[in-house]
Amino acid sequence: MKNVKVLEAIKDGPKTIEEIAEATGIKPMEVRRYLLRFTEQGKVESYQKEGKLFWKIREEDEAEKEFKYVG
């Protein structure tokens, strides 16, 4: 499944869309679509560095975890 390949490509560290596309063999436009969907789901996040956009697995902080479980 392509979506799993995209997530696995960034598990070892942040990458650009082009790097993810190269690592997975998936077209950059399709990679972008998956990343945007994952962003909406809270699974990944992006940041800009040296004029490039990098994507990484989103880390939950403890406050977020506590908030989720407050009944």
C-alpha atoms as a PDB file:
ATOM      1  CA  MET A   1       0.000   0.000   0.000  1.00  0.00           C
ATOM      2  CA  LYS A   2       1.380   3.339  -1.086  1.00  0.00           C
ATOM      3  CA  ASN A   3       0.248   5.260   1.979  1.00  0.00           C
ATOM      4  CA  VAL A   4       2.223   2.897   4.230  1.00  0.00           C
ATOM      5  CA  LYS A   5       5.316   3.350   2.045  1.00  0.00           C
ATOM      6  CA  VAL A   6       5.068   7.133   2.456  1.00  0.00           C
ATOM      7  CA  LEU A   7       4.881   6.884   6.255  1.00  0.00           C
ATOM      8  CA  GLU A   8       7.728   4.368   6.390  1.00  0.00           C
ATOM      9  CA  ALA A   9       9.893   6.669   4.269  1.00  0.00           C
ATOM     10  CA  ILE A  10       9.803   9.400   6.939  1.00  0.00           C
ATOM     11  CA  LYS A  11      10.021   7.175  10.016  1.00  0.00           C
ATOM     12  CA  ASP A  12      13.811   7.420  10.040  1.00  0.00           C
ATOM     13  CA  GLY A  13      13.791  11.210   9.777  1.00  0.00           C
ATOM     14  CA  PRO A  14      12.387  14.237   7.960  1.00  0.00           C
ATOM     15  CA  LYS A  15      12.394  14.284   4.167  1.00  0.00           C
ATOM     16  CA  THR A  16      11.201  16.486   1.329  1.00  0.00           C
ATOM     17  CA  ILE A  17       8.455  15.332  -1.031  1.00  0.00           C
ATOM     18  CA  GLU A  18      11.087  14.687  -3.684  1.00  0.00           C
ATOM     19  CA  GLU A  19      13.137  12.505  -1.325  1.00  0.00           C
ATOM     20  CA  ILE A  20      10.035  10.547  -0.319  1.00  0.00           C
ATOM     21  CA  ALA A  21       9.058  10.087  -3.969  1.00  0.00           C
ATOM     22  CA  GLU A  22      12.537   8.835  -4.816  1.00  0.00           C
ATOM     23  CA  ALA A  23      12.601   6.436  -1.844  1.00  0.00           C
ATOM     24  CA  THR A  24       9.144   4.985  -2.558  1.00  0.00           C
ATOM     25  CA  GLY A  25       8.874   5.153  -6.333  1.00  0.00           C
ATOM     26  CA  ILE A  26       5.611   7.107  -5.960  1.00  0.00           C
ATOM     27  CA  LYS A  27       5.061  10.256  -8.036  1.00  0.00           C
ATOM     28  CA  PRO A  28       5.688  13.512  -6.084  1.00  0.00           C
ATOM     29  CA  MET A  29       2.122  14.766  -6.641  1.00  0.00           C
ATOM     30  CA  GLU A  30       0.718  11.553  -5.182  1.00  0.00           C
ATOM     31  CA  VAL A  31       3.141  11.721  -2.231  1.00  0.00           C
ATOM     32  CA  ARG A  32       1.948  15.267  -1.566  1.00  0.00           C
ATOM     33  CA  ARG A  33      -1.679  14.116  -1.564  1.00  0.00           C
ATOM     34  CA  TYR A  34      -0.919  11.396   1.008  1.00  0.00           C
ATOM     35  CA  LEU A  35       1.037  13.828   3.187  1.00  0.00           C
ATOM     36  CA  LEU A  36      -1.800  16.353   3.194  1.00  0.00           C
ATOM     37  CA  ARG A  37      -4.235  13.620   4.202  1.00  0.00           C
ATOM     38  CA  PHE A  38      -1.879  12.468   6.972  1.00  0.00           C
ATOM     39  CA  THR A  39      -1.574  16.070   8.161  1.00  0.00           C
ATOM     40  CA  GLU A  40      -5.358  16.316   8.490  1.00  0.00           C
ATOM     41  CA  GLN A  41      -5.298  13.076  10.504  1.00  0.00           C
ATOM     42  CA  GLY A  42      -2.570  14.445  12.781  1.00  0.00           C
ATOM     43  CA  LYS A  43      -0.014  11.802  11.747  1.00  0.00           C
ATOM     44  CA  VAL A  44       2.595  14.036  10.122  1.00  0.00           C
ATOM     45  CA  GLU A  45       3.727  17.637  10.191  1.00  0.00           C
ATOM     46  CA  SER A  46       5.924  19.809   8.041  1.00  0.00           C
ATOM     47  CA  TYR A  47       8.458  22.542   8.645  1.00  0.00           C
ATOM     48  CA  GLN A  48      10.566  24.771   6.468  1.00  0.00           C
ATOM     49  CA  LYS A  49      14.349  24.729   6.561  1.00  0.00           C
ATOM     50  CA  GLU A  50      16.757  26.410   4.149  1.00  0.00           C
ATOM     51  CA  GLY A  51      13.921  27.145   1.747  1.00  0.00           C
ATOM     52  CA  LYS A  52      12.735  23.531   1.574  1.00  0.00           C
ATOM     53  CA  LEU A  53       9.638  21.926   3.064  1.00  0.00           C
ATOM     54  CA  PHE A  54      10.400  18.854   5.169  1.00  0.00           C
ATOM     55  CA  TRP A  55       7.871  16.296   6.395  1.00  0.00           C
ATOM     56  CA  LYS A  56       8.134  14.180   9.528  1.00  0.00           C
ATOM     57  CA  ILE A  57       6.085  11.928  11.773  1.00  0.00           C
ATOM     58  CA  ARG A  58       4.204  14.094  14.264  1.00  0.00           C
ATOM     59  CA  GLU A  59       5.200  13.598  17.866  1.00  0.00           C
ATOM     60  CA  GLU A  60       2.441  13.796  20.451  1.00  0.00           C
ATOM     61  CA  ASP A  61       3.278  15.676  23.583  1.00  0.00           C
ATOM     62  CA  GLU A  62       2.124  14.563  27.012  1.00  0.00           C
ATOM     63  CA  ALA A  63      -0.414  17.398  27.364  1.00  0.00           C
ATOM     64  CA  GLU A  64      -2.157  16.257  24.182  1.00  0.00           C
ATOM     65  CA  LYS A  65      -2.324  12.674  25.399  1.00  0.00           C
ATOM     66  CA  GLU A  66      -3.844  13.758  28.709  1.00  0.00           C
ATOM     67  CA  PHE A  67      -6.376  15.965  26.958  1.00  0.00           C
ATOM     68  CA  LYS A  68      -7.494  13.072  24.746  1.00  0.00           C
ATOM     69  CA  TYR A  69      -8.321  10.879  27.700  1.00  0.00           C
ATOM     70  CA  VAL A  70     -10.135  13.437  29.811  1.00  0.00           C
ATOM     71  CA  GLY A  71     -13.705  12.194  30.032  1.00  0.00           C
END
